[in-house]
């Protein structure tokens, strides 16, 4: 199986971090 999960996890993690940082 390909490791697309790792890329997805990194993208989700980055999105979550960005959202958390954007919160006041």
PDB file of N, CA and C in Angstrom:
ATOM      1  N   UNK A   1       0.846  -1.222   0.000  1.00  0.00           N
ATOM      2  CA  UNK A   1       0.000   0.000   0.000  1.00  0.00           C
ATOM      3  C   UNK A   1       0.871   1.258   0.000  1.00  0.00           C
ATOM      4  N   UNK A   2       0.376   2.279  -0.642  1.00  0.00           N
ATOM      5  CA  UNK A   2       1.141   3.534  -0.654  1.00  0.00           C
ATOM      6  C   UNK A   2       0.980   4.263   0.680  1.00  0.00           C
ATOM      7  N   UNK A   3       1.863   5.191   0.921  1.00  0.00           N
ATOM      8  CA  UNK A   3       1.798   5.907   2.210  1.00  0.00           C
ATOM      9  C   UNK A   3       1.059   7.224   2.035  1.00  0.00           C
ATOM     10  N   UNK A   4      -0.107   7.167   1.421  1.00  0.00           N
ATOM     11  CA  UNK A   4      -0.873   8.414   1.263  1.00  0.00           C
ATOM     12  C   UNK A   4      -1.396   8.880   2.610  1.00  0.00           C
ATOM     13  N   UNK A   5      -1.539   7.944   3.561  1.00  0.00           N
ATOM     14  CA  UNK A   5      -2.037   8.310   4.890  1.00  0.00           C
ATOM     15  C   UNK A   5      -1.081   9.281   5.575  1.00  0.00           C
ATOM     16  N   UNK A   6       0.213   9.073   5.378  1.00  0.00           N
ATOM     17  CA  UNK A   6       1.187   9.958   6.019  1.00  0.00           C
ATOM     18  C   UNK A   6       1.027  11.377   5.494  1.00  0.00           C
ATOM     19  N   UNK A   7       0.844  11.477   4.158  1.00  0.00           N
ATOM     20  CA  UNK A   7       0.677  12.826   3.589  1.00  0.00           C
ATOM     21  C   UNK A   7      -0.609  13.448   4.094  1.00  0.00           C
ATOM     22  N   UNK A   8      -1.655  12.650   4.155  1.00  0.00           N
ATOM     23  CA  UNK A   8      -2.947  13.178   4.631  1.00  0.00           C
ATOM     24  C   UNK A   8      -2.813  13.626   6.082  1.00  0.00           C
ATOM     25  N   UNK A   9      -2.139  12.802   6.889  1.00  0.00           N
ATOM     26  CA  UNK A   9      -1.971  13.144   8.301  1.00  0.00           C
ATOM     27  C   UNK A   9      -1.191  14.452   8.436  1.00  0.00           C
ATOM     28  N   UNK A  10      -0.155  14.607   7.600  1.00  0.00           N
ATOM     29  CA  UNK A  10       0.645  15.852   7.681  1.00  0.00           C
ATOM     30  C   UNK A  10      -0.207  17.042   7.284  1.00  0.00           C
ATOM     31  N   UNK A  11      -1.017  16.888   6.246  1.00  0.00           N
ATOM     32  CA  UNK A  11      -1.867  17.997   5.789  1.00  0.00           C
ATOM     33  C   UNK A  11      -2.887  18.354   6.875  1.00  0.00           C
ATOM     34  N   UNK A  12      -3.488  17.320   7.458  1.00  0.00           N
ATOM     35  CA  UNK A  12      -4.485  17.575   8.509  1.00  0.00           C
ATOM     36  C   UNK A  12      -3.809  18.219   9.712  1.00  0.00           C
ATOM     37  N   UNK A  13      -2.657  17.711  10.083  1.00  0.00           N
ATOM     38  CA  UNK A  13      -1.940  18.260  11.225  1.00  0.00           C
ATOM     39  C   UNK A  13      -1.612  19.741  10.993  1.00  0.00           C
ATOM     40  N   UNK A  14      -1.141  20.045   9.787  1.00  0.00           N
ATOM     41  CA  UNK A  14      -0.804  21.437   9.468  1.00  0.00           C
ATOM     42  C   UNK A  14      -2.057  22.310   9.529  1.00  0.00           C
ATOM     43  N   UNK A  15      -3.167  21.790   9.015  1.00  0.00           N
ATOM     44  CA  UNK A  15      -4.412  22.561   9.024  1.00  0.00           C
ATOM     45  C   UNK A  15      -4.862  22.806  10.460  1.00  0.00           C
ATOM     46  N   UNK A  16      -4.760  21.778  11.288  1.00  0.00           N
ATOM     47  CA  UNK A  16      -5.177  21.920  12.686  1.00  0.00           C
ATOM     48  C   UNK A  16      -4.281  22.933  13.400  1.00  0.00           C
ATOM     49  N   UNK A  17      -2.978  22.832  13.146  1.00  0.00           N
ATOM     50  CA  UNK A  17      -2.055  23.773  13.794  1.00  0.00           C
ATOM     51  C   UNK A  17      -2.361  25.191  13.347  1.00  0.00           C
ATOM     52  N   UNK A  18      -2.591  25.372  12.049  1.00  0.00           N
ATOM     53  CA  UNK A  18      -2.882  26.712  11.538  1.00  0.00           C
ATOM     54  C   UNK A  18      -4.169  27.234  12.170  1.00  0.00           C
ATOM     55  N   UNK A  19      -5.186  26.380  12.245  1.00  0.00           N
ATOM     56  CA  UNK A  19      -6.454  26.804  12.838  1.00  0.00           C
ATOM     57  C   UNK A  19      -6.273  27.170  14.303  1.00  0.00           C
ATOM     58  N   UNK A  20      -5.490  26.382  15.023  1.00  0.00           N
ATOM     59  CA  UNK A  20      -5.281  26.660  16.446  1.00  0.00           C
ATOM     60  C   UNK A  20      -4.525  27.975  16.612  1.00  0.00           C
ATOM     61  N   UNK A  21      -3.546  28.209  15.741  1.00  0.00           N
ATOM     62  CA  UNK A  21      -2.772  29.450  15.855  1.00  0.00           C
ATOM     63  C   UNK A  21      -3.636  30.652  15.482  1.00  0.00           C
ATOM     64  N   UNK A  22      -4.610  30.433  14.581  1.00  0.00           N
ATOM     65  CA  UNK A  22      -5.458  31.550  14.162  1.00  0.00           C
ATOM     66  C   UNK A  22      -6.438  31.921  15.267  1.00  0.00           C
ATOM     67  N   UNK A  23      -6.727  30.980  16.142  1.00  0.00           N
ATOM     68  CA  UNK A  23      -7.688  31.285  17.209  1.00  0.00           C
ATOM     69  C   UNK A  23      -7.098  32.308  18.179  1.00  0.00           C
ATOM     70  N   UNK A  24      -7.893  33.221  18.680  1.00  0.00           N
ATOM     71  CA  UNK A  24      -7.409  34.264  19.596  1.00  0.00           C
ATOM     72  C   UNK A  24      -7.025  33.695  20.960  1.00  0.00           C
TER      73      UNK A  24
END
